[in-house]
Protein backbone atom coordinates (compact mmCIF):
# COMPACT_ATOMS: atom_id res chain seq x y z
CA UNK A 1 13.28 -4.19 9.98
CA UNK A 2 11.81 -2.29 7.02
CA UNK A 3 8.04 -2.25 6.56
CA UNK A 4 5.94 -1.69 3.47
CA UNK A 5 2.50 -0.14 3.85
CA UNK A 6 -0.17 -1.83 1.74
CA UNK A 7 -2.86 0.27 0.08
CA UNK A 8 -5.37 -0.31 2.88
CA UNK A 9 -2.89 0.86 5.56
CA UNK A 10 -2.14 3.98 3.49
CA UNK A 11 -5.85 4.73 3.33
CA UNK A 12 -6.09 4.54 7.14
CA UNK A 13 -3.27 7.07 7.46
CA UNK A 14 -4.43 9.31 4.61
CA UNK A 15 -8.03 9.44 5.81
CA UNK A 16 -7.01 9.37 9.49
CA UNK A 17 -9.47 6.55 10.27
CA UNK A 18 -9.61 6.12 14.03
CA UNK A 19 -8.60 4.30 16.18
CA UNK A 20 -6.54 2.33 13.64
CA UNK A 21 -4.65 5.42 12.52
CA UNK A 22 -3.32 6.20 16.01
CA UNK A 23 -2.24 2.59 16.60
CA UNK A 24 -0.46 2.40 13.25
CA UNK A 25 1.24 5.77 13.66
CA UNK A 26 2.47 4.84 17.15
CA UNK A 27 4.15 1.68 15.82
CA UNK A 28 5.58 3.46 12.79
CA UNK A 29 7.10 6.24 14.94
CA UNK A 30 9.26 3.61 16.63
CA UNK A 31 11.00 2.87 13.32
CA UNK A 32 13.67 4.90 11.54
CA UNK A 33 11.92 6.94 8.80
CA UNK A 34 13.92 5.19 6.08
CA UNK A 35 12.47 1.84 7.22
CA UNK A 36 8.90 2.89 6.39
CA UNK A 37 7.87 2.68 2.74
CA UNK A 38 5.11 1.94 0.31
CA UNK A 39 5.22 0.81 -3.31
CA UNK A 40 4.60 2.38 -6.67
CA UNK A 41 1.84 -0.21 -7.07
CA UNK A 42 0.05 1.22 -4.02
CA UNK A 43 0.31 4.64 -5.65
CA UNK A 44 -1.25 3.16 -8.79
CA UNK A 45 -4.13 1.66 -6.81
CA UNK A 46 -4.80 4.91 -4.95
CA UNK A 47 -4.78 6.95 -8.17
CA UNK A 48 -7.04 4.45 -9.93
CA UNK A 49 -9.56 4.68 -7.11
CA UNK A 50 -9.74 8.46 -7.21
CA UNK A 51 -9.80 8.54 -11.03
CA UNK A 52 -12.75 6.13 -10.97
CA UNK A 53 -14.50 8.48 -8.54
CA UNK A 54 -13.65 11.42 -10.84
CA UNK A 55 -15.23 9.62 -13.79
CA UNK A 56 -18.48 9.27 -11.82
CA UNK A 57 -18.44 12.76 -10.29
CA UNK A 58 -21.56 14.69 -11.24
CA UNK A 59 -21.80 17.61 -8.85
CA UNK A 60 -19.41 20.52 -8.39
CA UNK A 61 -18.81 19.38 -4.81
CA UNK A 62 -17.80 15.89 -5.97
CA UNK A 63 -15.51 17.30 -8.66
CA UNK A 64 -13.82 19.64 -6.19
CA UNK A 65 -13.45 16.82 -3.67
CA UNK A 66 -11.82 14.40 -6.11
CA UNK A 67 -9.26 16.93 -7.33
CA UNK A 68 -8.51 18.01 -3.79
CA UNK A 69 -7.96 14.37 -2.77
CA UNK A 70 -5.79 13.67 -5.83
CA UNK A 71 -3.68 16.73 -5.10
CA UNK A 72 -3.29 15.82 -1.42
CA UNK A 73 -2.48 12.22 -2.23
CA UNK A 74 0.13 13.17 -4.86
CA UNK A 75 1.85 15.55 -2.43
CA UNK A 76 1.71 12.91 0.32
CA UNK A 77 3.36 10.26 -1.89
CA UNK A 78 6.06 12.75 -2.91
CA UNK A 79 7.15 12.87 0.75
CA UNK A 80 7.13 9.09 1.19
CA UNK A 81 9.70 6.41 0.55
CA UNK A 82 8.14 4.75 -2.52
CA UNK A 83 9.69 1.45 -3.59
CA UNK A 84 9.93 0.68 -7.28
CA UNK A 85 8.72 -2.39 -9.06
CA UNK A 86 12.15 -3.26 -10.40
CA UNK A 87 13.90 -6.29 -11.93
CA UNK A 88 14.19 -8.02 -8.53
CA UNK A 89 10.48 -7.53 -7.84
CA UNK A 90 9.59 -8.74 -11.33
CA UNK A 91 11.66 -11.89 -10.82
CA UNK A 92 9.87 -12.51 -7.49
CA UNK A 93 6.52 -11.94 -9.20
CA UNK A 94 7.25 -14.51 -11.91
CA UNK A 95 8.48 -17.08 -9.40
CA UNK A 96 5.43 -16.59 -7.14
CA UNK A 97 2.75 -16.43 -9.83
CA UNK A 98 2.23 -20.20 -10.23
CA UNK A 99 1.67 -20.68 -6.47
CA UNK A 100 -0.45 -17.54 -6.02
CA UNK A 101 -3.00 -17.66 -8.84
CA UNK A 102 -5.84 -16.59 -6.51
CA UNK A 103 -4.08 -13.41 -5.41
CA UNK A 104 -4.77 -10.39 -7.58
CA UNK A 105 -1.99 -9.19 -9.86
CA UNK A 106 -1.48 -5.86 -8.10
CA UNK A 107 -1.43 -7.49 -4.66
CA UNK A 108 1.11 -10.03 -5.88
CA UNK A 109 3.24 -7.19 -7.23
CA UNK A 110 3.12 -5.49 -3.82
CA UNK A 111 4.09 -8.78 -2.16
CA UNK A 112 6.92 -9.21 -4.67
CA UNK A 113 8.36 -5.77 -3.86
CA UNK A 114 8.15 -6.58 -0.14
CA UNK A 115 10.01 -9.87 -0.58
CA UNK A 116 12.60 -8.36 -2.94
CA UNK A 117 13.39 -5.63 -0.39
CA UNK A 118 13.32 -8.05 2.58
CA UNK A 119 10.51 -6.03 4.18
CA UNK A 120 7.45 -6.87 6.23
CA UNK A 121 4.19 -5.99 4.51
CA UNK A 122 1.66 -4.20 6.71
CA UNK A 123 -1.86 -5.07 5.58
CA UNK A 124 -5.27 -6.05 6.86
CA UNK A 125 -5.46 -8.74 4.16
CA UNK A 126 -3.63 -11.36 6.20
CA UNK A 127 -5.71 -14.24 4.87
CA UNK A 128 -4.57 -13.81 1.26
CA UNK A 129 -1.07 -12.49 1.85
CA UNK A 130 -0.15 -15.28 4.27
CA UNK A 131 -0.48 -17.67 1.34
CA UNK A 132 2.47 -16.01 -0.42
CA UNK A 133 5.63 -18.07 0.18
CA UNK A 134 8.42 -16.07 1.80
CA UNK A 135 6.28 -13.00 2.58
CA UNK A 136 6.22 -11.58 6.10
CA UNK A 137 2.88 -9.83 6.68
CA UNK A 138 1.41 -8.21 9.78
CA UNK A 139 -1.50 -5.94 10.71
CA UNK A 140 -0.43 -3.20 13.12
CA UNK A 141 -3.88 -1.60 13.45
CA UNK A 142 -5.35 -4.23 15.78
CA UNK A 143 -4.91 -4.10 19.52
């Protein structure tokens, strides 16, 4: 079954946060590579975070760090299976919006891509995502 990595799960892998990173990687290795994806919305969220840090960067070390992280992240995403926010996802988004007003727009877009592609979303935000009708969501970083 295909899985979609939410932004928080990508951060664990990208930053190699332990022990969650090892647990997540072990589960992902059991899947065919084509069954592991993320979304263009997750890319947007990652870029926005680093651009916000860039806007606040004052020291040379901070400036070098942010551009290094942006470069690494861009190259990392280029190697990943990145799912588009397409017509099917947009239709899901519009049908879910009335029932999911409390969920942020970007998170609902991620959920919509997951549903449209019949994938399981991997996220730590189970509380919010479990309220989305039709969405399968799991957290593979817990023991």
